[in-house]
């Protein structure tokens, strides 16, 4: 598959940050997204209404200001998921009741297969969302249940706390490659 086709497929992926509190994290996420060919960013209930225009966000985006400028700030996760066919919640914590669990690698294979199938069959391309929780608390159960899949990024089981930008970069890389 050529790089233009991959980039076209990646345009169907929406990154959703839920209740983000630090503008620097938003900037770093924008940078990670740009590096991996992702461009659609939604932010729900951020600490600052102008989160993407905060100096730390702009500085840490390191040139990925197009992602920041196009970002959508919405009041809640339901709003961020409008128009999405399948949402993947990312969490380090397993849940007793949750959507089906996937590793980040399994999620990447599943998503790219869905996108490739739509391309080959000339059917509407599904809109996919990857949902990441607040820095300190992650996603709450109700937010996880709004998604169709629960995903974990494979990491050290005794310390698996990733920064938002690290998580987005790893997930983006799985899809980009």
N, C-alpha and C. Protein backbone atom coordinates (compact mmCIF):
# COMPACT_ATOMS: atom_id res chain seq x y z
N UNK A 1 0.85 -1.17 0.00
CA UNK A 1 0.00 0.00 0.00
C UNK A 1 0.90 1.24 0.00
N UNK A 2 0.63 2.21 -0.89
CA UNK A 2 1.49 3.39 -0.96
C UNK A 2 1.17 4.38 0.16
N UNK A 3 2.08 5.31 0.38
CA UNK A 3 1.95 6.22 1.52
C UNK A 3 0.74 7.15 1.38
N UNK A 4 0.36 7.52 0.16
CA UNK A 4 -0.83 8.36 -0.03
C UNK A 4 -2.10 7.63 0.40
N UNK A 5 -2.18 6.34 0.10
CA UNK A 5 -3.34 5.55 0.51
C UNK A 5 -3.39 5.43 2.02
N UNK A 6 -2.24 5.18 2.64
CA UNK A 6 -2.18 5.09 4.10
C UNK A 6 -2.61 6.41 4.72
N UNK A 7 -2.11 7.53 4.21
CA UNK A 7 -2.48 8.84 4.76
C UNK A 7 -3.97 9.11 4.58
N UNK A 8 -4.53 8.69 3.46
CA UNK A 8 -5.97 8.87 3.24
C UNK A 8 -6.76 8.04 4.26
N UNK A 9 -6.29 6.84 4.55
CA UNK A 9 -6.96 6.02 5.54
C UNK A 9 -6.83 6.62 6.94
N UNK A 10 -5.66 7.14 7.26
CA UNK A 10 -5.44 7.74 8.57
C UNK A 10 -6.32 8.97 8.78
N UNK A 11 -6.74 9.61 7.71
CA UNK A 11 -7.62 10.78 7.84
C UNK A 11 -8.98 10.39 8.40
N UNK A 12 -9.29 9.12 8.44
CA UNK A 12 -10.56 8.65 8.99
C UNK A 12 -10.48 8.37 10.49
N UNK A 13 -9.32 8.62 11.07
CA UNK A 13 -9.12 8.37 12.50
C UNK A 13 -9.16 9.69 13.26
N UNK A 14 -10.00 9.73 14.27
CA UNK A 14 -10.16 10.90 15.14
C UNK A 14 -9.52 10.59 16.49
N UNK A 15 -8.69 11.47 16.96
CA UNK A 15 -8.13 11.36 18.31
C UNK A 15 -9.00 12.20 19.23
N UNK A 16 -9.44 11.59 20.33
CA UNK A 16 -10.29 12.29 21.30
C UNK A 16 -9.59 12.30 22.65
N UNK A 17 -9.38 13.50 23.17
CA UNK A 17 -8.81 13.67 24.51
C UNK A 17 -9.94 14.08 25.44
N UNK A 18 -10.15 13.33 26.50
CA UNK A 18 -11.26 13.58 27.42
C UNK A 18 -10.76 14.28 28.67
N UNK A 19 -11.36 15.43 28.97
CA UNK A 19 -11.08 16.21 30.19
C UNK A 19 -9.59 16.52 30.38
N UNK A 20 -8.94 16.93 29.33
CA UNK A 20 -7.51 17.24 29.39
C UNK A 20 -7.27 18.48 30.24
N UNK A 21 -6.22 18.43 31.08
CA UNK A 21 -5.98 19.55 31.98
C UNK A 21 -4.74 20.37 31.64
N UNK A 22 -3.78 19.81 30.92
CA UNK A 22 -2.53 20.54 30.68
C UNK A 22 -2.37 20.88 29.20
N UNK A 23 -2.26 22.18 28.89
CA UNK A 23 -2.09 22.59 27.49
C UNK A 23 -0.86 21.98 26.82
N UNK A 24 0.20 21.77 27.59
CA UNK A 24 1.41 21.17 27.03
C UNK A 24 1.14 19.78 26.49
N UNK A 25 0.31 19.03 27.17
CA UNK A 25 -0.04 17.69 26.68
C UNK A 25 -0.78 17.77 25.36
N UNK A 26 -1.66 18.76 25.21
CA UNK A 26 -2.38 18.93 23.95
C UNK A 26 -1.40 19.25 22.82
N UNK A 27 -0.44 20.12 23.10
CA UNK A 27 0.58 20.43 22.09
C UNK A 27 1.41 19.22 21.71
N UNK A 28 1.80 18.44 22.70
CA UNK A 28 2.59 17.24 22.42
C UNK A 28 1.77 16.21 21.66
N UNK A 29 0.48 16.10 21.96
CA UNK A 29 -0.39 15.20 21.21
C UNK A 29 -0.47 15.65 19.76
N UNK A 30 -0.63 16.95 19.54
CA UNK A 30 -0.69 17.47 18.17
C UNK A 30 0.59 17.12 17.41
N UNK A 31 1.72 17.26 18.05
CA UNK A 31 3.01 16.91 17.43
C UNK A 31 3.07 15.43 17.10
N UNK A 32 2.67 14.58 18.05
CA UNK A 32 2.66 13.13 17.81
C UNK A 32 1.73 12.79 16.66
N UNK A 33 0.56 13.42 16.63
CA UNK A 33 -0.40 13.16 15.56
C UNK A 33 0.19 13.52 14.20
N UNK A 34 0.78 14.70 14.10
CA UNK A 34 1.34 15.15 12.83
C UNK A 34 2.43 14.19 12.35
N UNK A 35 3.25 13.70 13.28
CA UNK A 35 4.30 12.75 12.93
C UNK A 35 3.75 11.44 12.37
N UNK A 36 2.57 11.06 12.80
CA UNK A 36 1.99 9.78 12.39
C UNK A 36 0.89 9.93 11.35
N UNK A 37 0.76 11.11 10.76
CA UNK A 37 -0.22 11.31 9.70
C UNK A 37 -1.65 11.46 10.16
N UNK A 38 -1.85 11.75 11.44
CA UNK A 38 -3.18 11.96 11.99
C UNK A 38 -3.45 13.46 12.09
N UNK A 39 -4.68 13.88 11.85
CA UNK A 39 -4.93 15.32 11.85
C UNK A 39 -6.21 15.74 12.57
N UNK A 40 -7.08 14.81 12.90
CA UNK A 40 -8.38 15.18 13.48
C UNK A 40 -8.36 15.00 14.99
N UNK A 41 -8.38 16.13 15.70
CA UNK A 41 -8.30 16.13 17.15
C UNK A 41 -9.56 16.74 17.75
N UNK A 42 -10.17 16.02 18.68
CA UNK A 42 -11.31 16.52 19.45
C UNK A 42 -10.90 16.54 20.92
N UNK A 43 -11.29 17.58 21.63
CA UNK A 43 -10.97 17.71 23.05
C UNK A 43 -12.28 17.95 23.79
N UNK A 44 -12.58 17.12 24.78
CA UNK A 44 -13.81 17.29 25.53
C UNK A 44 -13.53 17.93 26.88
N UNK A 45 -14.34 18.90 27.23
CA UNK A 45 -14.30 19.54 28.55
C UNK A 45 -12.88 19.83 29.04
N UNK A 46 -12.08 20.55 28.25
CA UNK A 46 -10.72 20.83 28.70
C UNK A 46 -10.71 21.82 29.87
N UNK A 47 -9.63 21.84 30.57
CA UNK A 47 -9.48 22.75 31.71
C UNK A 47 -9.60 24.21 31.27
N UNK A 48 -9.08 24.53 30.07
CA UNK A 48 -9.15 25.88 29.53
C UNK A 48 -9.97 25.86 28.24
N UNK A 49 -10.88 26.80 28.11
CA UNK A 49 -11.72 26.87 26.90
C UNK A 49 -10.88 27.09 25.64
N UNK A 50 -9.76 27.79 25.80
CA UNK A 50 -8.87 28.06 24.66
C UNK A 50 -7.62 27.19 24.71
N UNK A 51 -7.81 25.95 25.09
CA UNK A 51 -6.70 25.01 25.32
C UNK A 51 -5.70 24.99 24.16
N UNK A 52 -6.16 25.00 22.93
CA UNK A 52 -5.26 24.89 21.79
C UNK A 52 -4.52 26.19 21.48
N UNK A 53 -4.93 27.27 22.13
CA UNK A 53 -4.26 28.56 21.91
C UNK A 53 -3.37 28.97 23.09
N UNK A 54 -3.27 28.10 24.06
CA UNK A 54 -2.40 28.35 25.21
C UNK A 54 -0.94 28.30 24.76
N UNK A 55 -0.08 29.17 25.33
CA UNK A 55 1.34 29.19 24.92
C UNK A 55 2.03 27.82 25.02
N UNK A 56 1.76 27.06 26.07
CA UNK A 56 2.40 25.74 26.21
C UNK A 56 1.95 24.79 25.09
N UNK A 57 0.69 24.85 24.72
CA UNK A 57 0.20 23.99 23.64
C UNK A 57 0.91 24.32 22.33
N UNK A 58 0.98 25.59 22.03
CA UNK A 58 1.61 26.03 20.77
C UNK A 58 3.09 25.68 20.76
N UNK A 59 3.76 25.97 21.87
CA UNK A 59 5.19 25.70 21.96
C UNK A 59 5.50 24.20 21.82
N UNK A 60 4.78 23.38 22.55
CA UNK A 60 5.08 21.95 22.55
C UNK A 60 4.53 21.22 21.32
N UNK A 61 3.70 21.89 20.53
CA UNK A 61 3.26 21.30 19.26
C UNK A 61 4.42 21.28 18.27
N UNK A 62 5.41 22.11 18.50
CA UNK A 62 6.63 22.13 17.70
C UNK A 62 6.35 22.16 16.20
N UNK A 63 5.49 23.10 15.80
CA UNK A 63 5.20 23.27 14.38
C UNK A 63 3.93 22.60 13.92
N UNK A 64 3.33 21.74 14.73
CA UNK A 64 2.09 21.06 14.34
C UNK A 64 0.88 21.92 14.68
N UNK A 65 1.00 23.20 14.39
CA UNK A 65 -0.08 24.13 14.74
C UNK A 65 -1.31 23.92 13.86
N UNK A 66 -1.15 23.31 12.69
CA UNK A 66 -2.32 23.02 11.86
C UNK A 66 -3.26 22.06 12.58
N UNK A 67 -2.72 21.10 13.32
CA UNK A 67 -3.55 20.17 14.09
C UNK A 67 -4.26 20.94 15.20
N UNK A 68 -3.53 21.82 15.89
CA UNK A 68 -4.14 22.62 16.97
C UNK A 68 -5.23 23.53 16.43
N UNK A 69 -4.96 24.20 15.31
CA UNK A 69 -5.93 25.14 14.75
C UNK A 69 -7.21 24.45 14.29
N UNK A 70 -7.10 23.21 13.84
CA UNK A 70 -8.27 22.48 13.36
C UNK A 70 -8.99 21.71 14.47
N UNK A 71 -8.40 21.68 15.65
CA UNK A 71 -8.99 20.91 16.76
C UNK A 71 -10.38 21.42 17.11
N UNK A 72 -11.23 20.48 17.48
CA UNK A 72 -12.60 20.80 17.90
C UNK A 72 -12.69 20.62 19.41
N UNK A 73 -13.18 21.66 20.08
CA UNK A 73 -13.41 21.55 21.52
C UNK A 73 -14.91 21.39 21.71
N UNK A 74 -15.28 20.29 22.37
CA UNK A 74 -16.69 19.94 22.55
C UNK A 74 -16.96 19.70 24.03
N UNK A 75 -18.25 19.77 24.43
CA UNK A 75 -18.55 19.67 25.86
C UNK A 75 -18.40 18.29 26.48
N UNK A 76 -18.56 17.22 25.67
CA UNK A 76 -18.53 15.89 26.27
C UNK A 76 -18.16 14.83 25.24
N UNK A 77 -17.97 13.62 25.72
CA UNK A 77 -17.56 12.53 24.85
C UNK A 77 -18.63 12.20 23.82
N UNK A 78 -19.89 12.26 24.20
CA UNK A 78 -20.96 11.98 23.24
C UNK A 78 -20.85 12.91 22.04
N UNK A 79 -20.56 14.17 22.27
CA UNK A 79 -20.39 15.13 21.18
C UNK A 79 -19.18 14.79 20.32
N UNK A 80 -18.11 14.36 20.95
CA UNK A 80 -16.88 14.01 20.22
C UNK A 80 -17.06 12.77 19.36
N UNK A 81 -18.01 11.93 19.72
CA UNK A 81 -18.22 10.68 19.00
C UNK A 81 -19.30 10.78 17.92
N UNK A 82 -19.88 11.95 17.74
CA UNK A 82 -20.87 12.11 16.68
C UNK A 82 -20.23 11.80 15.32
N UNK A 83 -20.88 10.97 14.53
CA UNK A 83 -20.37 10.61 13.22
C UNK A 83 -19.35 9.50 13.22
N UNK A 84 -19.01 8.97 14.38
CA UNK A 84 -18.02 7.90 14.51
C UNK A 84 -18.72 6.55 14.41
N UNK A 85 -18.14 5.64 13.62
CA UNK A 85 -18.68 4.29 13.48
C UNK A 85 -18.18 3.34 14.55
N UNK A 86 -16.95 3.53 15.00
CA UNK A 86 -16.38 2.64 16.01
C UNK A 86 -15.37 3.41 16.85
N UNK A 87 -15.55 3.38 18.17
CA UNK A 87 -14.66 4.09 19.08
C UNK A 87 -13.87 3.09 19.92
N UNK A 88 -12.59 3.36 20.06
CA UNK A 88 -11.68 2.53 20.84
C UNK A 88 -11.24 3.34 22.06
N UNK A 89 -11.61 2.87 23.25
CA UNK A 89 -11.19 3.51 24.49
C UNK A 89 -9.84 2.94 24.90
N UNK A 90 -8.89 3.80 25.21
CA UNK A 90 -7.57 3.34 25.65
C UNK A 90 -7.44 3.57 27.15
N UNK A 91 -7.09 2.49 27.85
CA UNK A 91 -6.96 2.55 29.30
C UNK A 91 -5.96 1.51 29.76
N UNK A 92 -5.21 1.85 30.78
CA UNK A 92 -4.28 0.88 31.37
C UNK A 92 -5.00 -0.03 32.36
N UNK A 93 -6.23 0.36 32.74
CA UNK A 93 -6.98 -0.42 33.74
C UNK A 93 -7.99 -1.35 33.07
N UNK A 94 -7.90 -2.64 33.36
CA UNK A 94 -8.94 -3.55 32.87
C UNK A 94 -10.25 -3.27 33.60
N UNK A 95 -11.35 -3.61 32.99
CA UNK A 95 -12.67 -3.38 33.59
C UNK A 95 -13.42 -4.70 33.67
N UNK A 96 -14.26 -4.83 34.70
CA UNK A 96 -15.10 -6.03 34.81
C UNK A 96 -16.14 -6.06 33.70
N UNK A 97 -16.78 -4.95 33.48
CA UNK A 97 -17.77 -4.82 32.42
C UNK A 97 -17.22 -3.81 31.43
N UNK A 98 -17.01 -4.25 30.22
CA UNK A 98 -16.46 -3.34 29.22
C UNK A 98 -16.70 -3.90 27.83
N UNK A 99 -16.49 -3.07 26.85
CA UNK A 99 -16.51 -3.59 25.48
C UNK A 99 -15.37 -4.61 25.31
N UNK A 100 -15.36 -5.34 24.19
CA UNK A 100 -14.29 -6.32 23.97
C UNK A 100 -12.89 -5.70 24.06
N UNK A 101 -11.97 -6.41 24.70
CA UNK A 101 -10.60 -5.93 24.90
C UNK A 101 -9.73 -6.23 23.68
N UNK A 102 -8.89 -5.26 23.33
CA UNK A 102 -7.90 -5.41 22.27
C UNK A 102 -6.57 -4.86 22.77
N UNK A 103 -5.48 -5.42 22.26
CA UNK A 103 -4.19 -4.76 22.45
C UNK A 103 -4.13 -3.65 21.40
N UNK A 104 -3.18 -2.75 21.54
CA UNK A 104 -3.06 -1.69 20.55
C UNK A 104 -2.72 -2.26 19.17
N UNK A 105 -1.94 -3.33 19.14
CA UNK A 105 -1.61 -3.97 17.86
C UNK A 105 -2.82 -4.62 17.22
N UNK A 106 -3.65 -5.27 18.02
CA UNK A 106 -4.88 -5.87 17.49
C UNK A 106 -5.83 -4.80 16.98
N UNK A 107 -5.91 -3.71 17.72
CA UNK A 107 -6.77 -2.60 17.30
C UNK A 107 -6.29 -2.04 15.96
N UNK A 108 -4.99 -1.87 15.82
CA UNK A 108 -4.44 -1.34 14.57
C UNK A 108 -4.77 -2.25 13.40
N UNK A 109 -4.59 -3.55 13.59
CA UNK A 109 -4.89 -4.50 12.51
C UNK A 109 -6.37 -4.45 12.15
N UNK A 110 -7.22 -4.40 13.16
CA UNK A 110 -8.66 -4.36 12.94
C UNK A 110 -9.08 -3.09 12.20
N UNK A 111 -8.57 -1.95 12.64
CA UNK A 111 -8.94 -0.67 12.02
C UNK A 111 -8.44 -0.61 10.58
N UNK A 112 -7.19 -0.94 10.36
CA UNK A 112 -6.66 -0.84 9.01
C UNK A 112 -7.35 -1.82 8.07
N UNK A 113 -7.77 -2.97 8.57
CA UNK A 113 -8.53 -3.92 7.75
C UNK A 113 -9.89 -3.34 7.38
N UNK A 114 -10.55 -2.68 8.33
CA UNK A 114 -11.84 -2.04 8.05
C UNK A 114 -11.69 -0.96 6.98
N UNK A 115 -10.65 -0.15 7.11
CA UNK A 115 -10.42 0.94 6.16
C UNK A 115 -10.06 0.39 4.78
N UNK A 116 -9.21 -0.64 4.74
CA UNK A 116 -8.82 -1.23 3.46
C UNK A 116 -10.01 -1.90 2.78
N UNK A 117 -10.84 -2.57 3.53
CA UNK A 117 -12.01 -3.24 2.97
C UNK A 117 -12.95 -2.22 2.33
N UNK A 118 -13.16 -1.11 3.01
CA UNK A 118 -14.03 -0.06 2.45
C UNK A 118 -13.45 0.47 1.15
N UNK A 119 -12.14 0.62 1.10
CA UNK A 119 -11.48 1.12 -0.11
C UNK A 119 -11.65 0.12 -1.26
N UNK A 120 -11.39 -1.15 -1.00
CA UNK A 120 -11.47 -2.20 -2.03
C UNK A 120 -12.91 -2.39 -2.50
N UNK A 121 -13.85 -2.36 -1.58
CA UNK A 121 -15.25 -2.61 -1.93
C UNK A 121 -15.98 -1.34 -2.38
N UNK A 122 -15.25 -0.22 -2.35
CA UNK A 122 -15.82 1.06 -2.74
C UNK A 122 -17.10 1.38 -1.95
N UNK A 123 -17.02 1.16 -0.65
CA UNK A 123 -18.12 1.45 0.26
C UNK A 123 -17.71 2.62 1.15
N UNK A 124 -18.66 3.23 1.86
CA UNK A 124 -18.28 4.35 2.73
C UNK A 124 -17.20 3.95 3.74
N UNK A 125 -16.23 4.81 3.88
CA UNK A 125 -15.12 4.55 4.79
C UNK A 125 -15.57 4.87 6.21
N UNK A 126 -15.39 3.93 7.13
CA UNK A 126 -15.85 4.18 8.51
C UNK A 126 -14.99 5.25 9.20
N UNK A 127 -15.63 6.01 10.06
CA UNK A 127 -14.93 6.98 10.90
C UNK A 127 -14.60 6.28 12.22
N UNK A 128 -13.34 6.33 12.60
CA UNK A 128 -12.84 5.64 13.79
C UNK A 128 -12.39 6.69 14.80
N UNK A 129 -12.63 6.45 16.09
CA UNK A 129 -12.13 7.34 17.13
C UNK A 129 -11.28 6.55 18.12
N UNK A 130 -10.17 7.15 18.51
CA UNK A 130 -9.35 6.63 19.59
C UNK A 130 -9.50 7.59 20.75
N UNK A 131 -9.96 7.09 21.87
CA UNK A 131 -10.35 7.92 23.01
C UNK A 131 -9.36 7.72 24.16
N UNK A 132 -8.83 8.83 24.65
CA UNK A 132 -7.85 8.82 25.73
C UNK A 132 -8.37 9.68 26.88
N UNK A 133 -8.19 9.20 28.11
CA UNK A 133 -8.73 9.88 29.28
C UNK A 133 -7.84 10.96 29.84
N UNK A 134 -8.37 11.58 30.88
CA UNK A 134 -7.68 12.66 31.57
C UNK A 134 -6.34 12.18 32.14
N UNK A 135 -5.43 13.12 32.27
CA UNK A 135 -4.08 12.80 32.68
C UNK A 135 -4.02 12.05 34.02
N UNK A 136 -4.75 12.50 34.99
CA UNK A 136 -4.65 11.91 36.33
C UNK A 136 -5.54 10.69 36.55
N UNK A 137 -6.68 10.67 35.90
CA UNK A 137 -7.65 9.62 36.23
C UNK A 137 -8.00 8.68 35.09
N UNK A 138 -7.62 9.01 33.87
CA UNK A 138 -8.00 8.18 32.73
C UNK A 138 -9.49 8.29 32.45
N UNK A 139 -10.01 7.31 31.77
CA UNK A 139 -11.43 7.28 31.43
C UNK A 139 -12.23 6.66 32.56
N UNK A 140 -13.40 7.22 32.83
CA UNK A 140 -14.31 6.62 33.80
C UNK A 140 -15.11 5.53 33.09
N UNK A 141 -15.73 4.65 33.85
CA UNK A 141 -16.46 3.52 33.28
C UNK A 141 -17.52 3.94 32.27
N UNK A 142 -18.28 5.00 32.57
CA UNK A 142 -19.31 5.45 31.64
C UNK A 142 -18.72 5.86 30.29
N UNK A 143 -17.54 6.45 30.32
CA UNK A 143 -16.88 6.84 29.07
C UNK A 143 -16.42 5.61 28.29
N UNK A 144 -15.87 4.64 28.99
CA UNK A 144 -15.44 3.40 28.33
C UNK A 144 -16.65 2.73 27.67
N UNK A 145 -17.78 2.72 28.36
CA UNK A 145 -18.97 2.05 27.84
C UNK A 145 -19.57 2.77 26.63
N UNK A 146 -19.18 4.00 26.37
CA UNK A 146 -19.63 4.72 25.17
C UNK A 146 -18.86 4.26 23.93
N UNK A 147 -17.81 3.48 24.15
CA UNK A 147 -16.96 3.01 23.06
C UNK A 147 -17.28 1.54 22.74
N UNK A 148 -16.92 1.13 21.53
CA UNK A 148 -17.18 -0.25 21.11
C UNK A 148 -16.04 -1.21 21.44
N UNK A 149 -14.87 -0.67 21.75
CA UNK A 149 -13.72 -1.50 22.08
C UNK A 149 -12.96 -0.85 23.24
N UNK A 150 -12.32 -1.69 24.04
CA UNK A 150 -11.40 -1.25 25.08
C UNK A 150 -10.02 -1.74 24.69
N UNK A 151 -9.04 -0.86 24.73
CA UNK A 151 -7.68 -1.22 24.29
C UNK A 151 -6.66 -0.91 25.37
N UNK A 152 -5.63 -1.72 25.38
CA UNK A 152 -4.48 -1.48 26.24
C UNK A 152 -3.23 -1.45 25.39
N UNK A 153 -2.35 -0.53 25.71
CA UNK A 153 -1.04 -0.48 25.07
C UNK A 153 -0.13 -1.38 25.89
N UNK A 154 0.51 -2.32 25.21
CA UNK A 154 1.37 -3.26 25.92
C UNK A 154 2.53 -2.51 26.56
N UNK A 155 2.64 -2.64 27.87
CA UNK A 155 3.70 -1.97 28.62
C UNK A 155 4.02 -2.81 29.86
N UNK A 156 5.00 -2.37 30.60
CA UNK A 156 5.38 -3.02 31.83
C UNK A 156 4.15 -3.11 32.75
N UNK A 157 3.72 -4.30 33.11
CA UNK A 157 2.50 -4.42 33.92
C UNK A 157 2.61 -3.80 35.31
N UNK A 158 3.83 -3.62 35.81
CA UNK A 158 3.97 -3.00 37.13
C UNK A 158 4.06 -1.48 37.04
N UNK A 159 4.26 -0.96 35.84
CA UNK A 159 4.24 0.50 35.66
C UNK A 159 3.83 0.78 34.22
N UNK A 160 2.55 1.01 34.02
CA UNK A 160 2.04 1.19 32.66
C UNK A 160 1.34 2.54 32.49
N UNK A 161 1.87 3.55 33.12
CA UNK A 161 1.28 4.89 33.05
C UNK A 161 2.00 5.70 31.97
N UNK A 162 1.34 5.86 30.83
CA UNK A 162 1.93 6.63 29.73
C UNK A 162 1.41 8.05 29.72
N UNK A 163 2.24 8.97 29.29
CA UNK A 163 1.81 10.34 29.02
C UNK A 163 0.87 10.30 27.82
N UNK A 164 -0.07 11.24 27.74
CA UNK A 164 -1.02 11.27 26.62
C UNK A 164 -0.32 11.24 25.26
N UNK A 165 0.69 12.07 25.09
CA UNK A 165 1.38 12.14 23.80
C UNK A 165 2.08 10.82 23.49
N UNK A 166 2.66 10.18 24.51
CA UNK A 166 3.31 8.89 24.29
C UNK A 166 2.28 7.86 23.81
N UNK A 167 1.13 7.85 24.45
CA UNK A 167 0.08 6.89 24.08
C UNK A 167 -0.40 7.15 22.65
N UNK A 168 -0.66 8.41 22.32
CA UNK A 168 -1.12 8.74 20.97
C UNK A 168 -0.05 8.39 19.94
N UNK A 169 1.21 8.66 20.25
CA UNK A 169 2.29 8.34 19.33
C UNK A 169 2.38 6.83 19.09
N UNK A 170 2.31 6.05 20.15
CA UNK A 170 2.39 4.59 19.99
C UNK A 170 1.22 4.05 19.19
N UNK A 171 0.03 4.52 19.47
CA UNK A 171 -1.15 4.07 18.74
C UNK A 171 -1.07 4.53 17.28
N UNK A 172 -0.67 5.77 17.08
CA UNK A 172 -0.51 6.28 15.72
C UNK A 172 0.53 5.49 14.94
N UNK A 173 1.63 5.15 15.59
CA UNK A 173 2.68 4.38 14.93
C UNK A 173 2.18 3.01 14.50
N UNK A 174 1.40 2.36 15.36
CA UNK A 174 0.84 1.04 15.01
C UNK A 174 0.04 1.13 13.72
N UNK A 175 -0.66 2.23 13.52
CA UNK A 175 -1.50 2.39 12.33
C UNK A 175 -0.68 2.89 11.14
N UNK A 176 0.28 3.73 11.38
CA UNK A 176 1.09 4.29 10.30
C UNK A 176 1.93 3.22 9.62
N UNK A 177 2.45 2.29 10.41
CA UNK A 177 3.35 1.29 9.84
C UNK A 177 2.57 0.22 9.13
